[in-house]
Amino acid sequence: ASRVLEGEEAYTLTVELPGVGEKDIELTLENRTLSITAENTVQSFKDHTLVLTEIPEVRYRTAFDLPERVDTTGIKAANKNGLLILTLPKHEEVKPRRIAITAG
Protein backbone atom coordinates (compact mmCIF):
# COMPACT_ATOMS: atom_id res chain seq x y z
CA ALA A 1 0.00 0.00 0.00
CA SER A 2 1.22 3.48 -0.77
CA ARG A 3 -0.15 6.97 -0.45
CA VAL A 4 0.85 10.41 -1.60
CA LEU A 5 0.19 13.58 0.36
CA GLU A 6 0.69 17.04 -1.09
CA GLY A 7 1.96 19.79 1.16
CA GLU A 8 2.94 23.36 0.42
CA GLU A 9 6.64 22.59 0.23
CA ALA A 10 6.71 19.00 -0.98
CA TYR A 11 4.88 15.80 -1.76
CA THR A 12 5.26 12.96 0.72
CA LEU A 13 5.09 9.43 -0.63
CA THR A 14 4.68 6.68 1.97
CA VAL A 15 5.08 3.02 1.00
CA GLU A 16 4.45 0.15 3.42
CA LEU A 17 7.31 -2.34 3.31
CA PRO A 18 7.10 -4.42 6.50
CA GLY A 19 10.23 -6.37 7.35
CA VAL A 20 12.27 -4.91 4.51
CA GLY A 21 15.62 -3.34 5.38
CA GLU A 22 17.31 -0.42 3.66
CA LYS A 23 19.66 -2.74 1.81
CA ASP A 24 16.72 -4.58 0.26
CA ILE A 25 15.17 -1.43 -1.21
CA GLU A 26 16.25 -0.06 -4.54
CA LEU A 27 15.19 3.40 -5.69
CA THR A 28 15.85 4.50 -9.24
CA LEU A 29 14.89 7.69 -11.03
CA GLU A 30 14.79 7.79 -14.81
CA ASN A 31 13.06 10.42 -16.93
CA ARG A 32 10.87 11.56 -14.01
CA THR A 33 9.78 7.98 -13.31
CA LEU A 34 10.60 6.89 -9.77
CA SER A 35 10.85 3.12 -9.43
CA ILE A 36 10.79 1.36 -6.08
CA THR A 37 11.88 -2.26 -5.92
CA ALA A 38 11.95 -4.11 -2.61
CA GLU A 39 12.74 -7.71 -1.97
CA ASN A 40 12.67 -9.44 1.38
CA THR A 41 13.55 -13.06 0.81
CA VAL A 42 13.13 -15.01 4.01
CA GLN A 43 16.15 -17.21 4.55
CA SER A 44 15.53 -20.84 5.33
CA PHE A 45 18.06 -22.94 7.16
CA LYS A 46 18.75 -26.42 5.82
CA ASP A 47 19.76 -27.68 9.25
CA HIS A 48 16.28 -27.19 10.64
CA THR A 49 13.34 -29.20 9.45
CA LEU A 50 10.81 -26.56 10.46
CA VAL A 51 11.34 -22.89 9.90
CA LEU A 52 8.91 -20.44 11.43
CA THR A 53 9.00 -16.95 10.03
CA GLU A 54 6.66 -14.22 11.13
CA ILE A 55 7.47 -12.00 8.17
CA PRO A 56 6.16 -13.17 4.81
CA GLU A 57 8.31 -12.92 1.72
CA VAL A 58 7.93 -9.55 0.08
CA ARG A 59 8.53 -8.75 -3.55
CA TYR A 60 7.40 -5.25 -4.29
CA ARG A 61 7.79 -3.23 -7.43
CA THR A 62 6.08 0.01 -8.28
CA ALA A 63 6.72 3.09 -10.35
CA PHE A 64 5.48 6.63 -10.00
CA ASP A 65 5.47 9.26 -12.71
CA LEU A 66 6.56 12.40 -10.93
CA PRO A 67 4.83 15.70 -11.72
CA GLU A 68 6.86 18.42 -13.42
CA ARG A 69 6.55 20.42 -10.20
CA VAL A 70 8.85 17.99 -8.33
CA ASP A 71 12.49 19.01 -7.91
CA THR A 72 14.05 15.59 -8.52
CA THR A 73 17.49 16.69 -7.29
CA GLY A 74 16.19 17.15 -3.75
CA ILE A 75 14.36 13.85 -3.24
CA LYS A 76 14.99 12.29 0.18
CA ALA A 77 14.16 8.79 1.37
CA ALA A 78 13.86 7.40 4.91
CA ASN A 79 12.94 3.94 6.13
CA LYS A 80 11.17 3.90 9.51
CA ASN A 81 9.40 0.94 11.11
CA GLY A 82 8.57 -0.74 7.82
CA LEU A 83 7.51 2.50 6.16
CA LEU A 84 9.49 3.94 3.29
CA ILE A 85 8.94 7.69 3.37
CA LEU A 86 9.97 9.72 0.34
CA THR A 87 10.02 13.50 0.37
CA LEU A 88 9.60 15.01 -3.09
CA PRO A 89 10.28 18.75 -2.85
CA LYS A 90 8.58 21.18 -5.20
CA HIS A 91 10.48 23.61 -7.40
CA GLU A 92 10.83 27.05 -5.85
CA GLU A 93 8.69 28.68 -8.51
CA VAL A 94 5.63 26.58 -7.74
CA LYS A 95 5.69 27.01 -3.97
CA PRO A 96 3.03 29.41 -2.67
CA ARG A 97 4.50 32.72 -1.60
CA ARG A 98 3.09 35.19 0.84
CA ILE A 99 3.29 38.76 -0.36
CA ALA A 100 3.88 41.21 2.43
CA ILE A 101 1.62 44.25 2.60
CA THR A 102 3.29 47.36 3.86
CA ALA A 103 1.28 50.13 5.39
CA GLY A 104 1.16 53.15 3.07
PDB file of N, CA and C in Angstrom:
ATOM      1  N   ALA A   1       0.848  -1.190   0.000  1.00  0.00           N
ATOM      2  CA  ALA A   1       0.000   0.000   0.000  1.00  0.00           C
ATOM      3  C   ALA A   1       0.883   1.240   0.000  1.00  0.00           C
ATOM      4  N   SER A   2       0.455   2.240  -0.731  1.00  0.00           N
ATOM      5  CA  SER A   2       1.216   3.482  -0.768  1.00  0.00           C
ATOM      6  C   SER A   2       0.234   4.648  -0.838  1.00  0.00           C
ATOM      7  N   ARG A   3       0.693   5.790  -0.351  1.00  0.00           N
ATOM      8  CA  ARG A   3      -0.153   6.970  -0.452  1.00  0.00           C
ATOM      9  C   ARG A   3       0.716   8.206  -0.647  1.00  0.00           C
ATOM     10  N   VAL A   4       0.136   9.172  -1.325  1.00  0.00           N
ATOM     11  CA  VAL A   4       0.852  10.412  -1.601  1.00  0.00           C
ATOM     12  C   VAL A   4       0.086  11.566  -0.969  1.00  0.00           C
ATOM     13  N   LEU A   5       0.784  12.385  -0.214  1.00  0.00           N
ATOM     14  CA  LEU A   5       0.185  13.583   0.364  1.00  0.00           C
ATOM     15  C   LEU A   5       0.885  14.789  -0.250  1.00  0.00           C
ATOM     16  N   GLU A   6       0.095  15.833  -0.542  1.00  0.00           N
ATOM     17  CA  GLU A   6       0.689  17.039  -1.094  1.00  0.00           C
ATOM     18  C   GLU A   6       0.672  18.138  -0.053  1.00  0.00           C
ATOM     19  N   GLY A   7       1.850  18.658   0.255  1.00  0.00           N
ATOM     20  CA  GLY A   7       1.956  19.788   1.163  1.00  0.00           C
ATOM     21  C   GLY A   7       2.393  21.009   0.388  1.00  0.00           C
ATOM     22  N   GLU A   8       2.540  22.124   1.095  1.00  0.00           N
ATOM     23  CA  GLU A   8       2.944  23.356   0.416  1.00  0.00           C
ATOM     24  C   GLU A   8       4.356  23.260  -0.146  1.00  0.00           C
ATOM     25  N   GLU A   9       5.232  22.627   0.617  1.00  0.00           N
ATOM     26  CA  GLU A   9       6.641  22.589   0.228  1.00  0.00           C
ATOM     27  C   GLU A   9       7.000  21.357  -0.600  1.00  0.00           C
ATOM     28  N   ALA A  10       6.291  20.257  -0.367  1.00  0.00           N
ATOM     29  CA  ALA A  10       6.713  19.000  -0.983  1.00  0.00           C
ATOM     30  C   ALA A  10       5.571  17.991  -1.000  1.00  0.00           C
ATOM     31  N   TYR A  11       5.755  16.969  -1.814  1.00  0.00           N
ATOM     32  CA  TYR A  11       4.880  15.797  -1.762  1.00  0.00           C
ATOM     33  C   TYR A  11       5.534  14.788  -0.830  1.00  0.00           C
ATOM     34  N   THR A  12       4.726  14.032  -0.114  1.00  0.00           N
ATOM     35  CA  THR A  12       5.258  12.961   0.719  1.00  0.00           C
ATOM     36  C   THR A  12       4.650  11.649   0.236  1.00  0.00           C
ATOM     37  N   LEU A  13       5.520  10.733  -0.134  1.00  0.00           N
ATOM     38  CA  LEU A  13       5.091   9.428  -0.626  1.00  0.00           C
ATOM     39  C   LEU A  13       5.458   8.388   0.422  1.00  0.00           C
ATOM     40  N   THR A  14       4.455   7.688   0.943  1.00  0.00           N
ATOM     41  CA  THR A  14       4.683   6.677   1.972  1.00  0.00           C
ATOM     42  C   THR A  14       4.336   5.305   1.413  1.00  0.00           C
ATOM     43  N   VAL A  15       5.281   4.375   1.507  1.00  0.00           N
ATOM     44  CA  VAL A  15       5.077   3.021   0.999  1.00  0.00           C
ATOM     45  C   VAL A  15       5.278   2.041   2.152  1.00  0.00           C
ATOM     46  N   GLU A  16       4.328   1.146   2.352  1.00  0.00           N
ATOM     47  CA  GLU A  16       4.448   0.154   3.418  1.00  0.00           C
ATOM     48  C   GLU A  16       5.309  -1.015   2.944  1.00  0.00           C
ATOM     49  N   LEU A  17       6.422  -1.228   3.648  1.00  0.00           N
ATOM     50  CA  LEU A  17       7.309  -2.336   3.313  1.00  0.00           C
ATOM     51  C   LEU A  17       7.707  -3.047   4.606  1.00  0.00           C
ATOM     52  N   PRO A  18       6.794  -3.781   5.214  1.00  0.00           N
ATOM     53  CA  PRO A  18       7.100  -4.422   6.499  1.00  0.00           C
ATOM     54  C   PRO A  18       8.208  -5.452   6.375  1.00  0.00           C
ATOM     55  N   GLY A  19       9.161  -5.380   7.305  1.00  0.00           N
ATOM     56  CA  GLY A  19      10.226  -6.370   7.347  1.00  0.00           C
ATOM     57  C   GLY A  19      11.280  -6.233   6.279  1.00  0.00           C
ATOM     58  N   VAL A  20      11.276  -5.122   5.563  1.00  0.00           N
ATOM     59  CA  VAL A  20      12.268  -4.913   4.515  1.00  0.00           C
ATOM     60  C   VAL A  20      13.286  -3.891   5.003  1.00  0.00           C
ATOM     61  N   GLY A  21      14.568  -4.243   4.928  1.00  0.00           N
ATOM     62  CA  GLY A  21      15.622  -3.341   5.379  1.00  0.00           C
ATOM     63  C   GLY A  21      16.064  -2.414   4.261  1.00  0.00           C
ATOM     64  N   GLU A  22      16.838  -1.387   4.645  1.00  0.00           N
ATOM     65  CA  GLU A  22      17.313  -0.415   3.660  1.00  0.00           C
ATOM     66  C   GLU A  22      18.054  -1.084   2.516  1.00  0.00           C
ATOM     67  N   LYS A  23      18.846  -2.114   2.844  1.00  0.00           N
ATOM     68  CA  LYS A  23      19.665  -2.745   1.815  1.00  0.00           C
ATOM     69  C   LYS A  23      18.836  -3.545   0.811  1.00  0.00           C
ATOM     70  N   ASP A  24      17.584  -3.821   1.156  1.00  0.00           N
ATOM     71  CA  ASP A  24      16.721  -4.585   0.259  1.00  0.00           C
ATOM     72  C   ASP A  24      15.849  -3.687  -0.615  1.00  0.00           C
ATOM     73  N   ILE A  25      15.986  -2.369  -0.446  1.00  0.00           N
ATOM     74  CA  ILE A  25      15.166  -1.433  -1.212  1.00  0.00           C
ATOM     75  C   ILE A  25      16.036  -0.764  -2.260  1.00  0.00           C
ATOM     76  N   GLU A  26      15.520  -0.721  -3.479  1.00  0.00           N
ATOM     77  CA  GLU A  26      16.253  -0.061  -4.541  1.00  0.00           C
ATOM     78  C   GLU A  26      15.380   1.039  -5.123  1.00  0.00           C
ATOM     79  N   LEU A  27      15.915   2.249  -5.137  1.00  0.00           N
ATOM     80  CA  LEU A  27      15.191   3.396  -5.695  1.00  0.00           C
ATOM     81  C   LEU A  27      15.940   3.872  -6.937  1.00  0.00           C
ATOM     82  N   THR A  28      15.215   3.985  -8.040  1.00  0.00           N
ATOM     83  CA  THR A  28      15.847   4.501  -9.242  1.00  0.00           C
ATOM     84  C   THR A  28      14.967   5.581  -9.841  1.00  0.00           C
ATOM     85  N   LEU A  29      15.614   6.585 -10.417  1.00  0.00           N
ATOM     86  CA  LEU A  29      14.891   7.686 -11.032  1.00  0.00           C
ATOM     87  C   LEU A  29      15.373   7.820 -12.464  1.00  0.00           C
ATOM     88  N   GLU A  30      14.430   7.703 -13.402  1.00  0.00           N
ATOM     89  CA  GLU A  30      14.792   7.792 -14.811  1.00  0.00           C
ATOM     90  C   GLU A  30      13.676   8.520 -15.551  1.00  0.00           C
ATOM     91  N   ASN A  31      14.035   9.629 -16.172  1.00  0.00           N
ATOM     92  CA  ASN A  31      13.058  10.418 -16.930  1.00  0.00           C
ATOM     93  C   ASN A  31      11.792  10.712 -16.122  1.00  0.00           C
ATOM     94  N   ARG A  32      11.978  11.187 -14.913  1.00  0.00           N
ATOM     95  CA  ARG A  32      10.867  11.556 -14.014  1.00  0.00           C
ATOM     96  C   ARG A  32      10.011  10.371 -13.579  1.00  0.00           C
ATOM     97  N   THR A  33      10.489   9.160 -13.820  1.00  0.00           N
ATOM     98  CA  THR A  33       9.783   7.982 -13.312  1.00  0.00           C
ATOM     99  C   THR A  33      10.584   7.418 -12.146  1.00  0.00           C
ATOM    100  N   LEU A  34       9.953   7.397 -10.972  1.00  0.00           N
ATOM    101  CA  LEU A  34      10.598   6.894  -9.772  1.00  0.00           C
ATOM    102  C   LEU A  34      10.171   5.443  -9.574  1.00  0.00           C
ATOM    103  N   SER A  35      11.145   4.542  -9.612  1.00  0.00           N
ATOM    104  CA  SER A  35      10.849   3.121  -9.432  1.00  0.00           C
ATOM    105  C   SER A  35      11.317   2.657  -8.064  1.00  0.00           C
ATOM    106  N   ILE A  36      10.453   1.913  -7.382  1.00  0.00           N
ATOM    107  CA  ILE A  36      10.790   1.356  -6.076  1.00  0.00           C
ATOM    108  C   ILE A  36      10.732  -0.160  -6.199  1.00  0.00           C
ATOM    109  N   THR A  37      11.850  -0.805  -5.912  1.00  0.00           N
ATOM    110  CA  THR A  37      11.882  -2.262  -5.917  1.00  0.00           C
ATOM    111  C   THR A  37      12.341  -2.720  -4.540  1.00  0.00           C
ATOM    112  N   ALA A  38      11.586  -3.611  -3.940  1.00  0.00           N
ATOM    113  CA  ALA A  38      11.951  -4.114  -2.609  1.00  0.00           C
ATOM    114  C   ALA A  38      11.822  -5.627  -2.622  1.00  0.00           C
ATOM    115  N   GLU A  39      12.794  -6.267  -2.026  1.00  0.00           N
ATOM    116  CA  GLU A  39      12.743  -7.714  -1.965  1.00  0.00           C
ATOM    117  C   GLU A  39      13.180  -8.157  -0.585  1.00  0.00           C
ATOM    118  N   ASN A  40      12.335  -8.916   0.071  1.00  0.00           N
ATOM    119  CA  ASN A  40      12.665  -9.444   1.383  1.00  0.00           C
ATOM    120  C   ASN A  40      12.528 -10.955   1.286  1.00  0.00           C
ATOM    121  N   THR A  41      13.617 -11.610   0.939  1.00  0.00           N
ATOM    122  CA  THR A  41      13.551 -13.064   0.813  1.00  0.00           C
ATOM    123  C   THR A  41      13.885 -13.666   2.165  1.00  0.00           C
ATOM    124  N   VAL A  42      12.942 -14.392   2.702  1.00  0.00           N
ATOM    125  CA  VAL A  42      13.129 -15.006   4.010  1.00  0.00           C
ATOM    126  C   VAL A  42      14.104 -16.172   3.860  1.00  0.00           C
ATOM    127  N   GLN A  43      15.135 -16.155   4.658  1.00  0.00           N
ATOM    128  CA  GLN A  43      16.145 -17.213   4.553  1.00  0.00           C
ATOM    129  C   GLN A  43      15.697 -18.453   5.309  1.00  0.00           C
ATOM    130  N   SER A  44      15.856 -19.581   4.659  1.00  0.00           N
ATOM    131  CA  SER A  44      15.528 -20.838   5.330  1.00  0.00           C
ATOM    132  C   SER A  44      16.835 -21.554   5.638  1.00  0.00           C
ATOM    133  N   PHE A  45      16.845 -22.255   6.735  1.00  0.00           N
ATOM    134  CA  PHE A  45      18.057 -22.941   7.159  1.00  0.00           C
ATOM    135  C   PHE A  45      17.900 -24.433   6.910  1.00  0.00           C
ATOM    136  N   LYS A  46      18.850 -25.006   6.194  1.00  0.00           N
ATOM    137  CA  LYS A  46      18.752 -26.415   5.822  1.00  0.00           C
ATOM    138  C   LYS A  46      18.865 -27.318   7.038  1.00  0.00           C
ATOM    139  N   ASP A  47      19.548 -26.841   8.076  1.00  0.00           N
ATOM    140  CA  ASP A  47      19.765 -27.685   9.251  1.00  0.00           C
ATOM    141  C   ASP A  47      18.470 -27.936  10.018  1.00  0.00           C
ATOM    142  N   HIS A  48      17.521 -27.041   9.886  1.00  0.00           N
ATOM    143  CA  HIS A  48      16.279 -27.186  10.640  1.00  0.00           C
ATOM    144  C   HIS A  48      15.179 -27.712   9.731  1.00  0.00           C
ATOM    145  N   THR A  49      14.406 -28.627  10.257  1.00  0.00           N
ATOM    146  CA  THR A  49      13.339 -29.203   9.449  1.00  0.00           C
ATOM    147  C   THR A  49      12.160 -28.240   9.372  1.00  0.00           C
ATOM    148  N   LEU A  50      11.945 -27.471  10.437  1.00  0.00           N
ATOM    149  CA  LEU A  50      10.807 -26.561  10.462  1.00  0.00           C
ATOM    150  C   LEU A  50      11.313 -25.140  10.673  1.00  0.00           C
ATOM    151  N   VAL A  51      10.927 -24.279   9.784  1.00  0.00           N
ATOM    152  CA  VAL A  51      11.345 -22.888   9.899  1.00  0.00           C
ATOM    153  C   VAL A  51      10.097 -22.029  10.079  1.00  0.00           C
ATOM    154  N   LEU A  52      10.037 -21.327  11.182  1.00  0.00           N
ATOM    155  CA  LEU A  52       8.910 -20.439  11.425  1.00  0.00           C
ATOM    156  C   LEU A  52       9.366 -19.010  11.179  1.00  0.00           C
ATOM    157  N   THR A  53       8.682 -18.354  10.278  1.00  0.00           N
ATOM    158  CA  THR A  53       8.999 -16.946  10.026  1.00  0.00           C
ATOM    159  C   THR A  53       7.729 -16.135  10.174  1.00  0.00           C
ATOM    160  N   GLU A  54       7.835 -15.074  10.922  1.00  0.00           N
ATOM    161  CA  GLU A  54       6.663 -14.218  11.127  1.00  0.00           C
ATOM    162  C   GLU A  54       6.466 -13.266   9.957  1.00  0.00           C
ATOM    163  N   ILE A  55       7.562 -12.980   9.252  1.00  0.00           N
ATOM    164  CA  ILE A  55       7.474 -12.000   8.173  1.00  0.00           C
ATOM    165  C   ILE A  55       7.364 -12.739   6.841  1.00  0.00           C
ATOM    166  N   PRO A  56       6.290 -12.511   6.106  1.00  0.00           N
ATOM    167  CA  PRO A  56       6.157 -13.175   4.809  1.00  0.00           C
ATOM    168  C   PRO A  56       7.146 -12.607   3.800  1.00  0.00           C
ATOM    169  N   GLU A  57       7.391 -13.372   2.768  1.00  0.00           N
ATOM    170  CA  GLU A  57       8.310 -12.924   1.724  1.00  0.00           C
ATOM    171  C   GLU A  57       7.671 -11.770   0.965  1.00  0.00           C
ATOM    172  N   VAL A  58       8.457 -10.742   0.730  1.00  0.00           N
ATOM    173  CA  VAL A  58       7.935  -9.553   0.084  1.00  0.00           C
ATOM    174  C   VAL A  58       8.680  -9.332  -1.229  1.00  0.00           C
ATOM    175  N   ARG A  59       7.948  -9.203  -2.289  1.00  0.00           N
ATOM    176  CA  ARG A  59       8.532  -8.753  -3.555  1.00  0.00           C
ATOM    177  C   ARG A  59       7.644  -7.612  -4.024  1.00  0.00           C
ATOM    178  N   TYR A  60       8.202  -6.440  -4.042  1.00  0.00           N
ATOM    179  CA  TYR A  60       7.397  -5.255  -4.291  1.00  0.00           C
ATOM    180  C   TYR A  60       8.046  -4.450  -5.397  1.00  0.00           C
ATOM    181  N   ARG A  61       7.256  -4.080  -6.365  1.00  0.00           N
ATOM    182  CA  ARG A  61       7.793  -3.225  -7.426  1.00  0.00           C
ATOM    183  C   ARG A  61       6.705  -2.249  -7.845  1.00  0.00           C
ATOM    184  N   THR A  62       7.044  -0.983  -7.850  1.00  0.00           N
ATOM    185  CA  THR A  62       6.081   0.015  -8.276  1.00  0.00           C
ATOM    186  C   THR A  62       6.826   1.171  -8.918  1.00  0.00           C
ATOM    187  N   ALA A  63       6.113   1.930  -9.702  1.00  0.00           N
ATOM    188  CA  ALA A  63       6.723   3.090 -10.348  1.00  0.00           C
ATOM    189  C   ALA A  63       5.750   4.253 -10.285  1.00  0.00           C
ATOM    190  N   PHE A  64       6.284   5.425 -10.058  1.00  0.00           N
ATOM    191  CA  PHE A  64       5.479   6.633  -9.998  1.00  0.00           C
ATOM    192  C   PHE A  64       6.001   7.621 -11.036  1.00  0.00           C
ATOM    193  N   ASP A  65       5.085   8.181 -11.806  1.00  0.00           N
ATOM    194  CA  ASP A  65       5.469   9.256 -12.711  1.00  0.00           C
ATOM    195  C   ASP A  65       5.383  10.555 -11.926  1.00  0.00           C
ATOM    196  N   LEU A  66       6.510  11.205 -11.754  1.00  0.00           N
ATOM    197  CA  LEU A  66       6.556  12.404 -10.929  1.00  0.00           C
ATOM    198  C   LEU A  66       6.066  13.612 -11.708  1.00  0.00           C
ATOM    199  N   PRO A  67       5.281  14.475 -11.046  1.00  0.00           N
ATOM    200  CA  PRO A  67       4.829  15.700 -11.717  1.00  0.00           C
ATOM    201  C   PRO A  67       6.009  16.604 -12.045  1.00  0.00           C
ATOM    202  N   GLU A  68       5.814  17.455 -13.046  1.00  0.00           N
ATOM    203  CA  GLU A  68       6.863  18.421 -13.420  1.00  0.00           C
ATOM    204  C   GLU A  68       7.247  19.313 -12.245  1.00  0.00           C
ATOM    205  N   ARG A  69       6.306  19.508 -11.327  1.00  0.00           N
ATOM    206  CA  ARG A  69       6.548  20.415 -10.199  1.00  0.00           C
ATOM    207  C   ARG A  69       7.586  19.876  -9.216  1.00  0.00           C
ATOM    208  N   VAL A  70       7.911  18.578  -9.294  1.00  0.00           N
ATOM    209  CA  VAL A  70       8.851  17.990  -8.325  1.00  0.00           C
ATOM    210  C   VAL A  70      10.288  18.309  -8.715  1.00  0.00           C
ATOM    211  N   ASP A  71      11.054  18.772  -7.728  1.00  0.00           N
ATOM    212  CA  ASP A  71      12.491  19.007  -7.909  1.00  0.00           C
ATOM    213  C   ASP A  71      13.204  17.689  -7.622  1.00  0.00           C
ATOM    214  N   THR A  72      13.523  16.958  -8.689  1.00  0.00           N
ATOM    215  CA  THR A  72      14.054  15.593  -8.518  1.00  0.00           C
ATOM    216  C   THR A  72      15.426  15.566  -7.850  1.00  0.00           C
ATOM    217  N   THR A  73      16.160  16.684  -7.898  1.00  0.00           N
ATOM    218  CA  THR A  73      17.493  16.688  -7.288  1.00  0.00           C
ATOM    219  C   THR A  73      17.433  16.686  -5.767  1.00  0.00           C
ATOM    220  N   GLY A  74      16.268  17.043  -5.207  1.00  0.00           N
ATOM    221  CA  GLY A  74      16.188  17.155  -3.752  1.00  0.00           C
ATOM    222  C   GLY A  74      15.404  16.041  -3.082  1.00  0.00           C
ATOM    223  N   ILE A  75      15.155  14.942  -3.814  1.00  0.00           N
ATOM    224  CA  ILE A  75      14.357  13.846  -3.237  1.00  0.00           C
ATOM    225  C   ILE A  75      15.107  13.177  -2.089  1.00  0.00           C
ATOM    226  N   LYS A  76      14.393  12.969  -0.977  1.00  0.00           N
ATOM    227  CA  LYS A  76      14.986  12.291   0.180  1.00  0.00           C
ATOM    228  C   LYS A  76      14.165  11.046   0.499  1.00  0.00           C
ATOM    229  N   ALA A  77      14.850  10.027   1.013  1.00  0.00           N
ATOM    230  CA  ALA A  77      14.161   8.789   1.374  1.00  0.00           C
ATOM    231  C   ALA A  77      14.560   8.369   2.781  1.00  0.00           C
ATOM    232  N   ALA A  78      13.589   7.902   3.556  1.00  0.00           N
ATOM    233  CA  ALA A  78      13.856   7.403   4.908  1.00  0.00           C
ATOM    234  C   ALA A  78      13.053   6.131   5.118  1.00  0.00           C
ATOM    235  N   ASN A  79      13.629   5.192   5.855  1.00  0.00           N
ATOM    236  CA  ASN A  79      12.939   3.941   6.132  1.00  0.00           C
ATOM    237  C   ASN A  79      12.732   3.839   7.638  1.00  0.00           C
ATOM    238  N   LYS A  80      11.460   3.918   8.075  1.00  0.00           N
ATOM    239  CA  LYS A  80      11.172   3.896   9.506  1.00  0.00           C
ATOM    240  C   LYS A  80      10.087   2.875   9.799  1.00  0.00           C
ATOM    241  N   ASN A  81      10.396   1.914  10.641  1.00  0.00           N
ATOM    242  CA  ASN A  81       9.398   0.941  11.112  1.00  0.00           C
ATOM    243  C   ASN A  81       8.583   0.320   9.981  1.00  0.00           C
ATOM    244  N   GLY A  82       9.274  -0.094   8.911  1.00  0.00           N
ATOM    245  CA  GLY A  82       8.570  -0.742   7.817  1.00  0.00           C
ATOM    246  C   GLY A  82       7.858   0.209   6.887  1.00  0.00           C
ATOM    247  N   LEU A  83       8.085   1.510   7.063  1.00  0.00           N
ATOM    248  CA  LEU A  83       7.506   2.496   6.159  1.00  0.00           C
ATOM    249  C   LEU A  83       8.631   3.198   5.412  1.00  0.00           C
ATOM    250  N   LEU A  84       8.546   3.184   4.103  1.00  0.00           N
ATOM    251  CA  LEU A  84       9.486   3.940   3.291  1.00  0.00           C
ATOM    252  C   LEU A  84       8.849   5.296   3.022  1.00  0.00           C
ATOM    253  N   ILE A  85       9.501   6.351   3.500  1.00  0.00           N
ATOM    254  CA  ILE A  85       8.938   7.693   3.370  1.00  0.00           C
ATOM    255  C   ILE A  85       9.823   8.508   2.433  1.00  0.00           C
ATOM    256  N   LEU A  86       9.233   8.927   1.315  1.00  0.00           N
ATOM    257  CA  LEU A  86       9.968   9.718   0.335  1.00  0.00           C
ATOM    258  C   LEU A  86       9.450  11.152   0.363  1.00  0.00           C
ATOM    259  N   THR A  87      10.379  12.094   0.427  1.00  0.00           N
ATOM    260  CA  THR A  87      10.019  13.499   0.374  1.00  0.00           C
ATOM    261  C   THR A  87      10.391  14.020  -1.005  1.00  0.00           C
ATOM    262  N   LEU A  88       9.395  14.527  -1.727  1.00  0.00           N
ATOM    263  CA  LEU A  88       9.596  15.007  -3.088  1.00  0.00           C
ATOM    264  C   LEU A  88       9.369  16.518  -3.105  1.00  0.00           C
ATOM    265  N   PRO A  89      10.442  17.292  -2.967  1.00  0.00           N
ATOM    266  CA  PRO A  89      10.279  18.747  -2.852  1.00  0.00           C
ATOM    267  C   PRO A  89       9.794  19.372  -4.157  1.00  0.00           C
ATOM    268  N   LYS A  90       9.061  20.464  -4.023  1.00  0.00           N
ATOM    269  CA  LYS A  90       8.580  21.184  -5.199  1.00  0.00           C
ATOM    270  C   LYS A  90       9.616  22.223  -5.621  1.00  0.00           C
ATOM    271  N   HIS A  91       9.617  22.534  -6.904  1.00  0.00           N
ATOM    272  CA  HIS A  91      10.478  23.606  -7.402  1.00  0.00           C
ATOM    273  C   HIS A  91      10.080  24.914  -6.721  1.00  0.00           C
ATOM    274  N   GLU A  92      11.079  25.766  -6.529  1.00  0.00           N
ATOM    275  CA  GLU A  92      10.834  27.047  -5.855  1.00  0.00           C
ATOM    276  C   GLU A  92       9.700  27.836  -6.509  1.00  0.00           C
ATOM    277  N   GLU A  93       9.659  27.808  -7.835  1.00  0.00           N
ATOM    278  CA  GLU A  93       8.688  28.682  -8.508  1.00  0.00           C
ATOM    279  C   GLU A  93       7.241  28.243  -8.347  1.00  0.00           C
ATOM    280  N   VAL A  94       7.016  27.004  -7.905  1.00  0.00           N
ATOM    281  CA  VAL A  94       5.625  26.576  -7.744  1.00  0.00           C
ATOM    282  C   VAL A  94       5.168  26.593  -6.286  1.00  0.00           C
ATOM    283  N   LYS A  95       6.091  26.926  -5.375  1.00  0.00           N
ATOM    284  CA  LYS A  95       5.687  27.015  -3.972  1.00  0.00           C
ATOM    285  C   LYS A  95       4.848  28.277  -3.764  1.00  0.00           C
ATOM    286  N   PRO A  96       3.808  28.192  -2.943  1.00  0.00           N
ATOM    287  CA  PRO A  96       3.028  29.409  -2.673  1.00  0.00           C
ATOM    288  C   PRO A  96       3.883  30.415  -1.903  1.00  0.00           C
ATOM    289  N   ARG A  97       3.736  31.669  -2.272  1.00  0.00           N
ATOM    290  CA  ARG A  97       4.503  32.719  -1.600  1.00  0.00           C
ATOM    291  C   ARG A  97       3.551  33.708  -0.985  1.00  0.00           C
ATOM    292  N   ARG A  98       3.876  34.130   0.225  1.00  0.00           N
ATOM    293  CA  ARG A  98       3.093  35.191   0.841  1.00  0.00           C
ATOM    294  C   ARG A  98       3.697  36.519   0.413  1.00  0.00           C
ATOM    295  N   ILE A  99       2.820  37.442   0.038  1.00  0.00           N
ATOM    296  CA  ILE A  99       3.289  38.764  -0.362  1.00  0.00           C
ATOM    297  C   ILE A  99       2.994  39.726   0.801  1.00  0.00           C
ATOM    298  N   ALA A 100       4.042  40.318   1.284  1.00  0.00           N
ATOM    299  CA  ALA A 100       3.882  41.212   2.432  1.00  0.00           C
ATOM    300  C   ALA A 100       3.188  42.493   2.004  1.00  0.00           C
ATOM    301  N   ILE A 101       2.301  42.991   2.861  1.00  0.00           N
ATOM    302  CA  ILE A 101       1.617  44.249   2.597  1.00  0.00           C
ATOM    303  C   ILE A 101       2.185  45.294   3.560  1.00  0.00           C
ATOM    304  N   THR A 102       2.728  46.328   2.980  1.00  0.00           N
ATOM    305  CA  THR A 102       3.286  47.364   3.856  1.00  0.00           C
ATOM    306  C   THR A 102       2.284  48.494   3.976  1.00  0.00           C
ATOM    307  N   ALA A 103       2.225  49.036   5.162  1.00  0.00           N
ATOM    308  CA  ALA A 103       1.283  50.133   5.393  1.00  0.00           C
ATOM    309  C   ALA A 103       1.743  51.356   4.606  1.00  0.00           C
ATOM    310  N   GLY A 104       0.814  51.973   3.853  1.00  0.00           N
ATOM    311  CA  GLY A 104       1.157  53.152   3.067  1.00  0.00           C
ATOM    312  C   GLY A 104       1.262  54.304   4.014  1.00  0.00           C
TER     313      GLY A 104
END
